[in-house]
N, C-alpha and C. Protein backbone atom coordinates (compact mmCIF):
# COMPACT_ATOMS: atom_id res chain seq x y z
N UNK A 1 -29.46 32.92 82.45
CA UNK A 1 -30.54 31.98 82.24
C UNK A 1 -29.96 30.57 82.28
N UNK A 2 -30.56 29.70 83.07
CA UNK A 2 -30.08 28.32 83.17
C UNK A 2 -30.36 27.58 81.88
N UNK A 3 -29.47 26.63 81.57
CA UNK A 3 -29.60 25.89 80.31
C UNK A 3 -30.98 25.24 80.18
N UNK A 4 -31.53 24.72 81.29
CA UNK A 4 -32.83 24.03 81.19
C UNK A 4 -33.98 25.01 80.89
N UNK A 5 -33.74 26.30 81.08
CA UNK A 5 -34.78 27.30 80.78
C UNK A 5 -34.65 27.88 79.38
N UNK A 6 -33.61 27.47 78.67
CA UNK A 6 -33.41 28.02 77.33
C UNK A 6 -34.40 27.41 76.35
N UNK A 7 -34.73 28.19 75.33
CA UNK A 7 -35.77 27.81 74.37
C UNK A 7 -35.16 27.33 73.05
N UNK A 8 -35.85 26.41 72.38
CA UNK A 8 -35.42 26.04 71.03
C UNK A 8 -35.92 27.09 70.04
N UNK A 9 -35.16 27.24 68.97
CA UNK A 9 -35.55 28.22 67.94
C UNK A 9 -35.40 27.59 66.56
N UNK A 10 -36.12 28.16 65.61
CA UNK A 10 -35.89 27.86 64.21
C UNK A 10 -35.46 29.18 63.58
N UNK A 11 -34.21 29.21 63.13
CA UNK A 11 -33.68 30.37 62.42
C UNK A 11 -34.02 30.20 60.95
N UNK A 12 -34.57 31.24 60.34
CA UNK A 12 -34.96 31.17 58.94
C UNK A 12 -34.22 32.23 58.14
N UNK A 13 -33.63 31.78 57.03
CA UNK A 13 -33.17 32.72 56.04
C UNK A 13 -34.43 33.39 55.47
N UNK A 14 -34.28 34.57 54.89
CA UNK A 14 -35.45 35.28 54.36
C UNK A 14 -35.65 35.02 52.87
N UNK A 15 -34.80 35.61 52.04
CA UNK A 15 -34.98 35.55 50.59
C UNK A 15 -34.69 34.15 50.06
N UNK A 16 -35.66 33.58 49.37
CA UNK A 16 -35.51 32.24 48.82
C UNK A 16 -35.94 31.14 49.78
N UNK A 17 -36.27 31.54 51.01
CA UNK A 17 -36.74 30.57 52.01
C UNK A 17 -38.16 30.92 52.44
N UNK A 18 -38.36 32.15 52.90
CA UNK A 18 -39.69 32.64 53.29
C UNK A 18 -40.41 33.24 52.08
N UNK A 19 -39.66 34.06 51.34
CA UNK A 19 -40.25 34.74 50.18
C UNK A 19 -39.53 34.35 48.90
N UNK A 20 -40.22 34.55 47.79
CA UNK A 20 -39.67 34.25 46.48
C UNK A 20 -38.41 35.09 46.26
N UNK A 21 -37.35 34.43 45.82
CA UNK A 21 -36.07 35.10 45.58
C UNK A 21 -36.21 36.12 44.46
N UNK A 22 -35.91 37.37 44.78
CA UNK A 22 -35.85 38.45 43.79
C UNK A 22 -34.59 39.20 44.14
N UNK A 23 -33.67 39.30 43.21
CA UNK A 23 -32.38 39.89 43.53
C UNK A 23 -32.52 41.24 44.22
N UNK A 24 -31.90 41.33 45.40
CA UNK A 24 -31.86 42.56 46.18
C UNK A 24 -33.26 43.08 46.49
N UNK A 25 -34.13 42.19 46.93
CA UNK A 25 -35.48 42.57 47.32
C UNK A 25 -35.44 43.62 48.42
N UNK A 26 -36.13 44.72 48.21
CA UNK A 26 -36.24 45.74 49.25
C UNK A 26 -37.53 46.53 49.16
N UNK A 27 -38.34 46.31 48.13
CA UNK A 27 -39.58 47.05 47.97
C UNK A 27 -40.76 46.18 48.39
N UNK A 28 -41.63 46.74 49.22
CA UNK A 28 -42.81 46.02 49.72
C UNK A 28 -43.61 45.42 48.57
N UNK A 29 -43.77 46.20 47.49
CA UNK A 29 -44.62 45.73 46.39
C UNK A 29 -44.02 44.54 45.64
N UNK A 30 -42.75 44.23 45.86
CA UNK A 30 -42.11 43.08 45.20
C UNK A 30 -42.11 41.83 46.08
N UNK A 31 -42.59 41.95 47.31
CA UNK A 31 -42.55 40.83 48.26
C UNK A 31 -43.65 39.82 47.96
N UNK A 32 -43.29 38.54 47.91
CA UNK A 32 -44.27 37.44 47.75
C UNK A 32 -43.81 36.25 48.59
N UNK A 33 -44.69 35.77 49.46
CA UNK A 33 -44.37 34.55 50.20
C UNK A 33 -44.21 33.37 49.24
N UNK A 34 -43.31 32.47 49.58
CA UNK A 34 -43.29 31.16 48.94
C UNK A 34 -44.50 30.41 49.50
N UNK A 35 -45.19 29.70 48.64
CA UNK A 35 -46.41 29.02 49.05
C UNK A 35 -46.15 28.13 50.27
N UNK A 36 -47.02 28.28 51.28
CA UNK A 36 -46.92 27.48 52.49
C UNK A 36 -46.02 28.04 53.57
N UNK A 37 -45.26 29.10 53.27
CA UNK A 37 -44.32 29.65 54.27
C UNK A 37 -45.03 30.22 55.50
N UNK A 38 -46.08 31.03 55.35
CA UNK A 38 -46.74 31.55 56.56
C UNK A 38 -47.30 30.43 57.44
N UNK A 39 -47.90 29.42 56.81
CA UNK A 39 -48.46 28.30 57.58
C UNK A 39 -47.36 27.52 58.28
N UNK A 40 -46.19 27.41 57.65
CA UNK A 40 -45.06 26.72 58.26
C UNK A 40 -44.58 27.49 59.50
N UNK A 41 -44.50 28.80 59.38
CA UNK A 41 -44.09 29.63 60.52
C UNK A 41 -45.10 29.48 61.65
N UNK A 42 -46.38 29.50 61.33
CA UNK A 42 -47.42 29.33 62.35
C UNK A 42 -47.29 27.97 63.04
N UNK A 43 -47.04 26.91 62.28
CA UNK A 43 -46.90 25.57 62.87
C UNK A 43 -45.71 25.52 63.82
N UNK A 44 -44.60 26.14 63.44
CA UNK A 44 -43.41 26.16 64.30
C UNK A 44 -43.69 26.95 65.58
N UNK A 45 -44.34 28.10 65.43
CA UNK A 45 -44.69 28.93 66.60
C UNK A 45 -45.63 28.15 67.52
N UNK A 46 -46.64 27.51 66.94
CA UNK A 46 -47.62 26.76 67.75
C UNK A 46 -46.97 25.60 68.50
N UNK A 47 -45.86 25.09 67.96
CA UNK A 47 -45.15 23.97 68.60
C UNK A 47 -44.18 24.46 69.68
N UNK A 48 -44.08 25.78 69.86
CA UNK A 48 -43.25 26.32 70.94
C UNK A 48 -41.88 26.80 70.53
N UNK A 49 -41.58 26.82 69.25
CA UNK A 49 -40.29 27.32 68.80
C UNK A 49 -40.33 28.84 68.68
N UNK A 50 -39.21 29.48 69.03
CA UNK A 50 -39.00 30.85 68.62
C UNK A 50 -38.69 30.80 67.13
N UNK A 51 -39.18 31.74 66.36
CA UNK A 51 -38.86 31.81 64.94
C UNK A 51 -38.14 33.13 64.71
N UNK A 52 -36.91 33.02 64.26
CA UNK A 52 -36.04 34.19 64.10
C UNK A 52 -35.51 34.23 62.68
N UNK A 53 -35.71 35.36 62.01
CA UNK A 53 -35.20 35.55 60.65
C UNK A 53 -33.78 36.11 60.73
N UNK A 54 -32.86 35.45 60.02
CA UNK A 54 -31.47 35.91 59.94
C UNK A 54 -31.14 36.07 58.46
N UNK A 55 -30.80 37.29 58.06
CA UNK A 55 -30.67 37.57 56.62
C UNK A 55 -29.45 38.42 56.30
N UNK A 56 -28.69 37.97 55.30
CA UNK A 56 -27.62 38.79 54.73
C UNK A 56 -28.28 39.78 53.77
N UNK A 57 -27.97 41.05 53.92
CA UNK A 57 -28.52 42.07 53.03
C UNK A 57 -27.38 42.90 52.45
N UNK A 58 -26.62 42.26 51.55
CA UNK A 58 -25.47 42.96 50.96
C UNK A 58 -25.90 44.11 50.06
N UNK A 59 -27.18 44.17 49.69
CA UNK A 59 -27.68 45.31 48.94
C UNK A 59 -27.50 46.62 49.70
N UNK A 60 -27.55 46.54 51.04
CA UNK A 60 -27.27 47.72 51.86
C UNK A 60 -25.80 48.11 51.68
N UNK A 61 -24.92 47.11 51.81
CA UNK A 61 -23.48 47.37 51.67
C UNK A 61 -23.14 47.96 50.31
N UNK A 62 -23.84 47.48 49.29
CA UNK A 62 -23.57 47.91 47.91
C UNK A 62 -24.21 49.26 47.58
N UNK A 63 -25.04 49.79 48.50
CA UNK A 63 -25.68 51.08 48.27
C UNK A 63 -26.95 51.01 47.43
N UNK A 64 -27.50 49.80 47.22
CA UNK A 64 -28.72 49.65 46.43
C UNK A 64 -29.96 50.12 47.19
N UNK A 65 -29.92 49.98 48.50
CA UNK A 65 -31.00 50.42 49.38
C UNK A 65 -30.42 50.56 50.78
N UNK A 66 -31.22 51.05 51.74
CA UNK A 66 -30.67 51.30 53.07
C UNK A 66 -31.39 50.47 54.14
N UNK A 67 -30.90 50.57 55.36
CA UNK A 67 -31.49 49.78 56.45
C UNK A 67 -32.94 50.15 56.73
N UNK A 68 -33.32 51.41 56.47
CA UNK A 68 -34.73 51.78 56.63
C UNK A 68 -35.61 51.00 55.67
N UNK A 69 -35.12 50.79 54.43
CA UNK A 69 -35.87 49.99 53.46
C UNK A 69 -36.04 48.56 53.96
N UNK A 70 -34.98 48.01 54.54
CA UNK A 70 -35.03 46.64 55.08
C UNK A 70 -36.06 46.58 56.22
N UNK A 71 -36.00 47.56 57.13
CA UNK A 71 -36.94 47.58 58.26
C UNK A 71 -38.38 47.74 57.79
N UNK A 72 -38.60 48.56 56.77
CA UNK A 72 -39.95 48.74 56.22
C UNK A 72 -40.46 47.42 55.65
N UNK A 73 -39.61 46.71 54.94
CA UNK A 73 -40.01 45.41 54.39
C UNK A 73 -40.32 44.42 55.51
N UNK A 74 -39.52 44.44 56.57
CA UNK A 74 -39.77 43.52 57.69
C UNK A 74 -41.08 43.85 58.40
N UNK A 75 -41.41 45.12 58.52
CA UNK A 75 -42.71 45.49 59.08
C UNK A 75 -43.85 44.98 58.20
N UNK A 76 -43.64 45.04 56.89
CA UNK A 76 -44.64 44.52 55.94
C UNK A 76 -44.80 43.00 56.12
N UNK A 77 -43.69 42.29 56.27
CA UNK A 77 -43.75 40.84 56.49
C UNK A 77 -44.53 40.54 57.77
N UNK A 78 -44.27 41.31 58.83
CA UNK A 78 -44.99 41.11 60.09
C UNK A 78 -46.49 41.31 59.89
N UNK A 79 -46.87 42.34 59.13
CA UNK A 79 -48.29 42.62 58.86
C UNK A 79 -48.91 41.47 58.06
N UNK A 80 -48.19 40.99 57.06
CA UNK A 80 -48.69 39.88 56.23
C UNK A 80 -48.83 38.60 57.06
N UNK A 81 -47.88 38.34 57.95
CA UNK A 81 -47.95 37.14 58.80
C UNK A 81 -49.12 37.24 59.78
N UNK A 82 -49.42 38.44 60.24
CA UNK A 82 -50.54 38.61 61.18
C UNK A 82 -51.85 38.13 60.56
N UNK A 83 -51.97 38.26 59.24
CA UNK A 83 -53.18 37.78 58.55
C UNK A 83 -53.29 36.25 58.63
N UNK A 84 -52.16 35.59 58.88
CA UNK A 84 -52.15 34.13 59.06
C UNK A 84 -52.12 33.75 60.55
N UNK A 85 -52.36 34.75 61.41
CA UNK A 85 -52.38 34.54 62.85
C UNK A 85 -51.05 34.01 63.37
N UNK A 86 -49.96 34.61 62.87
CA UNK A 86 -48.64 34.21 63.35
C UNK A 86 -47.68 35.38 63.25
N UNK A 87 -46.44 35.15 63.64
CA UNK A 87 -45.42 36.21 63.65
C UNK A 87 -44.05 35.57 63.77
N UNK A 88 -43.01 36.38 63.51
CA UNK A 88 -41.65 35.96 63.84
C UNK A 88 -41.24 36.75 65.07
N UNK A 89 -40.36 36.14 65.85
CA UNK A 89 -39.96 36.76 67.11
C UNK A 89 -38.97 37.90 66.93
N UNK A 90 -38.13 37.82 65.89
CA UNK A 90 -37.14 38.87 65.66
C UNK A 90 -36.54 38.73 64.27
N UNK A 91 -36.02 39.84 63.78
CA UNK A 91 -35.28 39.88 62.53
C UNK A 91 -33.86 40.33 62.84
N UNK A 92 -32.87 39.61 62.33
CA UNK A 92 -31.47 39.99 62.46
C UNK A 92 -30.89 40.13 61.06
N UNK A 93 -30.18 41.23 60.84
CA UNK A 93 -29.71 41.59 59.51
C UNK A 93 -28.21 41.83 59.51
N UNK A 94 -27.51 41.26 58.52
CA UNK A 94 -26.12 41.63 58.25
C UNK A 94 -26.12 42.55 57.04
N UNK A 95 -25.74 43.83 57.21
CA UNK A 95 -25.72 44.77 56.10
C UNK A 95 -24.35 44.91 55.44
N UNK A 96 -23.41 44.02 55.78
CA UNK A 96 -22.02 44.17 55.35
C UNK A 96 -21.69 43.32 54.12
N UNK A 97 -20.59 43.69 53.48
CA UNK A 97 -19.99 42.84 52.45
C UNK A 97 -18.48 43.09 52.48
N UNK A 98 -17.68 42.01 52.49
CA UNK A 98 -16.24 42.17 52.67
C UNK A 98 -15.51 42.73 51.45
N UNK A 99 -16.14 42.70 50.27
CA UNK A 99 -15.47 43.15 49.05
C UNK A 99 -16.25 44.27 48.35
N UNK A 100 -17.58 44.09 48.24
CA UNK A 100 -18.41 45.01 47.46
C UNK A 100 -19.01 46.15 48.29
N UNK A 101 -18.78 46.14 49.61
CA UNK A 101 -19.40 47.14 50.47
C UNK A 101 -18.84 48.54 50.26
N UNK A 102 -19.65 49.52 50.65
CA UNK A 102 -19.24 50.92 50.58
C UNK A 102 -19.24 51.50 51.99
N UNK A 103 -18.27 52.37 52.25
CA UNK A 103 -18.22 53.07 53.53
C UNK A 103 -18.17 52.13 54.71
N UNK A 104 -19.01 52.42 55.72
CA UNK A 104 -19.01 51.63 56.95
C UNK A 104 -19.43 50.18 56.74
N UNK A 105 -20.04 49.88 55.61
CA UNK A 105 -20.54 48.53 55.35
C UNK A 105 -19.52 47.64 54.64
N UNK A 106 -18.36 48.22 54.27
CA UNK A 106 -17.28 47.43 53.68
C UNK A 106 -16.46 46.88 54.83
N UNK A 107 -16.75 45.63 55.20
CA UNK A 107 -15.96 45.04 56.27
C UNK A 107 -16.16 43.54 56.34
N UNK A 108 -15.15 42.90 56.86
CA UNK A 108 -15.21 41.49 57.21
C UNK A 108 -15.88 41.46 58.58
N UNK A 109 -16.97 40.72 58.73
CA UNK A 109 -17.72 40.75 59.99
C UNK A 109 -18.01 39.33 60.46
N UNK A 110 -18.54 39.22 61.65
CA UNK A 110 -18.94 37.92 62.19
C UNK A 110 -20.42 37.64 61.95
N UNK A 111 -21.15 38.63 61.42
CA UNK A 111 -22.60 38.46 61.27
C UNK A 111 -23.01 37.98 59.89
N UNK A 112 -22.11 38.03 58.92
CA UNK A 112 -22.48 37.57 57.57
C UNK A 112 -22.48 36.05 57.54
N UNK A 113 -23.64 35.46 57.25
CA UNK A 113 -23.71 34.00 57.14
C UNK A 113 -22.81 33.57 56.00
N UNK A 114 -22.10 32.47 56.07
CA UNK A 114 -21.89 31.36 56.91
C UNK A 114 -21.27 31.53 58.27
N UNK A 115 -20.87 32.70 58.72
CA UNK A 115 -20.43 32.84 60.10
C UNK A 115 -21.67 32.85 60.99
N UNK A 116 -21.52 32.49 62.26
CA UNK A 116 -22.69 32.31 63.12
C UNK A 116 -23.11 33.54 63.91
N UNK A 117 -22.53 34.71 63.64
CA UNK A 117 -22.76 35.89 64.48
C UNK A 117 -24.21 36.25 64.74
N UNK A 118 -25.05 36.25 63.70
CA UNK A 118 -26.46 36.62 63.89
C UNK A 118 -27.17 35.61 64.80
N UNK A 119 -26.86 34.33 64.63
CA UNK A 119 -27.49 33.29 65.44
C UNK A 119 -27.01 33.39 66.89
N UNK A 120 -25.72 33.65 67.08
CA UNK A 120 -25.17 33.76 68.43
C UNK A 120 -25.75 34.98 69.15
N UNK A 121 -25.90 36.09 68.42
CA UNK A 121 -26.50 37.30 69.00
C UNK A 121 -27.94 37.02 69.41
N UNK A 122 -28.70 36.40 68.52
CA UNK A 122 -30.10 36.08 68.83
C UNK A 122 -30.19 35.14 70.02
N UNK A 123 -29.30 34.15 70.08
CA UNK A 123 -29.31 33.19 71.19
C UNK A 123 -29.07 33.90 72.52
N UNK A 124 -28.11 34.83 72.53
CA UNK A 124 -27.82 35.57 73.76
C UNK A 124 -28.98 36.47 74.16
N UNK A 125 -29.62 37.10 73.18
CA UNK A 125 -30.69 38.06 73.48
C UNK A 125 -32.03 37.40 73.79
N UNK A 126 -32.24 36.16 73.32
CA UNK A 126 -33.54 35.50 73.49
C UNK A 126 -33.47 34.23 74.33
N UNK A 127 -32.31 33.91 74.89
CA UNK A 127 -32.20 32.71 75.72
C UNK A 127 -32.44 31.43 74.94
N UNK A 128 -31.74 31.28 73.82
CA UNK A 128 -31.96 30.14 72.92
C UNK A 128 -30.95 29.03 73.19
N UNK A 129 -31.44 27.81 73.18
CA UNK A 129 -30.60 26.62 73.26
C UNK A 129 -30.23 26.23 71.83
N UNK A 130 -29.03 26.58 71.41
CA UNK A 130 -28.63 26.35 70.02
C UNK A 130 -28.59 24.86 69.66
N UNK A 131 -28.26 24.02 70.61
CA UNK A 131 -28.18 22.57 70.33
C UNK A 131 -29.55 21.98 70.01
N UNK A 132 -30.61 22.63 70.46
CA UNK A 132 -31.97 22.16 70.18
C UNK A 132 -32.64 22.97 69.08
N UNK A 133 -31.85 23.77 68.38
CA UNK A 133 -32.39 24.69 67.38
C UNK A 133 -32.02 24.28 65.96
N UNK A 134 -32.67 24.92 65.00
CA UNK A 134 -32.51 24.61 63.59
C UNK A 134 -32.23 25.89 62.81
N UNK A 135 -31.50 25.72 61.70
CA UNK A 135 -31.29 26.79 60.73
C UNK A 135 -31.80 26.29 59.40
N UNK A 136 -32.74 27.02 58.80
CA UNK A 136 -33.33 26.63 57.52
C UNK A 136 -33.03 27.71 56.49
N UNK A 137 -32.42 27.31 55.37
CA UNK A 137 -32.12 28.27 54.33
C UNK A 137 -31.87 27.61 52.99
N UNK A 138 -31.66 28.46 51.98
CA UNK A 138 -31.52 27.97 50.60
C UNK A 138 -30.09 28.07 50.08
N UNK A 139 -29.14 28.43 50.93
CA UNK A 139 -27.75 28.59 50.48
C UNK A 139 -26.79 27.85 51.42
N UNK A 140 -25.62 27.53 50.86
CA UNK A 140 -24.57 26.92 51.68
C UNK A 140 -24.24 27.82 52.87
N UNK A 141 -24.25 29.13 52.67
CA UNK A 141 -23.95 30.05 53.77
C UNK A 141 -24.92 29.86 54.94
N UNK A 142 -26.18 29.54 54.64
CA UNK A 142 -27.16 29.28 55.70
C UNK A 142 -26.81 28.00 56.45
N UNK A 143 -26.49 26.96 55.69
CA UNK A 143 -26.11 25.67 56.28
C UNK A 143 -24.90 25.87 57.19
N UNK A 144 -23.89 26.58 56.69
CA UNK A 144 -22.66 26.81 57.46
C UNK A 144 -22.93 27.62 58.71
N UNK A 145 -23.77 28.65 58.61
CA UNK A 145 -24.07 29.48 59.79
C UNK A 145 -24.70 28.61 60.87
N UNK A 146 -25.65 27.76 60.49
CA UNK A 146 -26.28 26.87 61.45
C UNK A 146 -25.28 25.91 62.06
N UNK A 147 -24.47 25.28 61.23
CA UNK A 147 -23.47 24.33 61.74
C UNK A 147 -22.49 25.03 62.68
N UNK A 148 -22.02 26.22 62.28
CA UNK A 148 -21.05 26.96 63.09
C UNK A 148 -21.62 27.43 64.41
N UNK A 149 -22.95 27.57 64.48
CA UNK A 149 -23.61 27.98 65.73
C UNK A 149 -23.99 26.77 66.59
N UNK A 150 -23.86 25.57 66.04
CA UNK A 150 -24.22 24.37 66.79
C UNK A 150 -25.66 23.95 66.62
N UNK A 151 -26.31 24.42 65.55
CA UNK A 151 -27.70 24.06 65.25
C UNK A 151 -27.73 22.92 64.23
N UNK A 152 -28.90 22.36 64.04
CA UNK A 152 -29.14 21.42 62.95
C UNK A 152 -29.57 22.24 61.74
N UNK A 153 -28.86 22.09 60.62
CA UNK A 153 -29.19 22.85 59.42
C UNK A 153 -30.03 22.02 58.46
N UNK A 154 -30.96 22.69 57.79
CA UNK A 154 -31.75 22.08 56.72
C UNK A 154 -31.67 22.99 55.50
N UNK A 155 -31.51 22.37 54.33
CA UNK A 155 -31.47 23.12 53.07
C UNK A 155 -32.81 22.98 52.37
N UNK A 156 -33.39 24.10 51.95
CA UNK A 156 -34.61 24.05 51.14
C UNK A 156 -34.23 24.25 49.67
N UNK A 157 -35.02 23.64 48.79
CA UNK A 157 -34.71 23.68 47.36
C UNK A 157 -35.33 24.88 46.64
N UNK A 158 -36.00 25.75 47.38
CA UNK A 158 -36.50 27.00 46.81
C UNK A 158 -35.32 27.97 46.69
N UNK A 159 -35.55 29.13 46.10
CA UNK A 159 -34.47 30.11 45.97
C UNK A 159 -33.27 29.51 45.25
N UNK A 160 -32.10 29.59 45.90
CA UNK A 160 -30.87 29.06 45.33
C UNK A 160 -30.58 27.63 45.78
N UNK A 161 -31.53 26.99 46.44
CA UNK A 161 -31.30 25.68 47.02
C UNK A 161 -30.88 24.61 46.03
N UNK A 162 -31.54 24.55 44.87
CA UNK A 162 -31.18 23.52 43.88
C UNK A 162 -29.75 23.73 43.40
N UNK A 163 -29.36 24.97 43.19
CA UNK A 163 -27.99 25.28 42.77
C UNK A 163 -26.98 24.87 43.84
N UNK A 164 -27.26 25.28 45.10
CA UNK A 164 -26.29 25.03 46.16
C UNK A 164 -26.25 23.58 46.60
N UNK A 165 -27.32 22.83 46.37
CA UNK A 165 -27.33 21.41 46.71
C UNK A 165 -26.19 20.69 45.98
N UNK A 166 -25.90 21.11 44.76
CA UNK A 166 -24.84 20.47 43.96
C UNK A 166 -23.47 20.65 44.62
N UNK A 167 -23.32 21.67 45.46
CA UNK A 167 -22.02 21.98 46.08
C UNK A 167 -21.86 21.34 47.46
N UNK A 168 -22.94 20.71 47.97
CA UNK A 168 -22.88 20.11 49.30
C UNK A 168 -22.60 18.61 49.20
N UNK A 169 -21.80 18.13 50.12
CA UNK A 169 -21.55 16.68 50.17
C UNK A 169 -22.86 15.97 50.48
N UNK A 170 -23.10 14.88 49.78
CA UNK A 170 -24.35 14.13 49.96
C UNK A 170 -24.48 13.68 51.41
N UNK A 171 -25.66 13.88 51.96
CA UNK A 171 -25.92 13.46 53.34
C UNK A 171 -25.47 14.44 54.40
N UNK A 172 -24.85 15.57 54.01
CA UNK A 172 -24.37 16.53 55.00
C UNK A 172 -25.53 17.14 55.80
N UNK A 173 -26.61 17.46 55.09
CA UNK A 173 -27.79 18.04 55.75
C UNK A 173 -29.05 17.44 55.17
N UNK A 174 -30.13 17.54 55.92
CA UNK A 174 -31.44 17.14 55.43
C UNK A 174 -31.87 18.17 54.38
N UNK A 175 -32.39 17.67 53.26
CA UNK A 175 -32.84 18.54 52.17
C UNK A 175 -34.36 18.45 52.09
N UNK A 176 -35.01 19.61 52.01
CA UNK A 176 -36.47 19.69 51.97
C UNK A 176 -36.89 20.51 50.75
N UNK A 177 -38.05 20.19 50.22
CA UNK A 177 -38.54 20.90 49.03
C UNK A 177 -38.70 22.39 49.31
N UNK A 178 -39.22 22.73 50.50
CA UNK A 178 -39.51 24.12 50.81
C UNK A 178 -39.65 24.27 52.32
N UNK A 179 -39.99 25.47 52.77
CA UNK A 179 -40.11 25.73 54.20
C UNK A 179 -41.22 24.88 54.83
N UNK A 180 -42.31 24.67 54.11
CA UNK A 180 -43.40 23.85 54.65
C UNK A 180 -42.91 22.44 54.97
N UNK A 181 -42.13 21.85 54.05
CA UNK A 181 -41.59 20.51 54.30
C UNK A 181 -40.55 20.53 55.42
N UNK A 182 -39.75 21.60 55.47
CA UNK A 182 -38.75 21.72 56.54
C UNK A 182 -39.43 21.79 57.90
N UNK A 183 -40.53 22.54 58.00
CA UNK A 183 -41.26 22.62 59.26
C UNK A 183 -41.79 21.25 59.66
N UNK A 184 -42.30 20.51 58.69
CA UNK A 184 -42.79 19.15 58.99
C UNK A 184 -41.66 18.26 59.47
N UNK A 185 -40.50 18.39 58.86
CA UNK A 185 -39.32 17.59 59.27
C UNK A 185 -38.92 17.94 60.71
N UNK A 186 -38.96 19.22 61.05
CA UNK A 186 -38.59 19.65 62.40
C UNK A 186 -39.63 19.14 63.41
N UNK A 187 -40.89 19.23 63.06
CA UNK A 187 -41.96 18.88 63.99
C UNK A 187 -42.20 17.37 64.08
N UNK A 188 -41.94 16.66 63.00
CA UNK A 188 -42.16 15.21 62.96
C UNK A 188 -40.98 14.52 62.28
N UNK A 189 -39.82 14.54 62.93
CA UNK A 189 -38.64 13.97 62.26
C UNK A 189 -38.84 12.49 61.94
N UNK A 190 -38.51 12.12 60.72
CA UNK A 190 -38.59 10.72 60.30
C UNK A 190 -37.31 10.02 60.73
N UNK A 191 -37.43 9.09 61.64
CA UNK A 191 -36.23 8.38 62.10
C UNK A 191 -36.18 7.00 61.51
């Protein structure tokens, strides 16, 4: 695919960015959108961005739940988003942990954010122009994954964002209250 045909994307962390942070979320009945998140996804989609969820799921590595549970939750998210007349283009999951993992999931990998593996895989599979793309999340690992992939990173203050903001150098990234504000920043950057 020629560079001029590549598409911009907004990569979204899941827990603490799209949905309310609940430790090791894996049950459909525990899922709750952060207010304004579905509308933000719809606005990004309507503006022509691919919207791709990239999520570390170390609960799989730790044996708390399995990849089928993750896929079931993602199907539920898709159904919930359909009620808002929108969708995400793809979900990418890192099920590994370098220290706490069990069996095949105990490994140092390139897909665990702050490494850019999930974003690079999505870019290759969907024809994404990373330089014109964004990574939005609530953790330093999200910021680093975006930076390492060549995207513009934004930190949201939902989830762990307020905690992780203290660890980031001032001015390193744009900080937004939540995904709704991040979408507005992407669509109408204040210069």
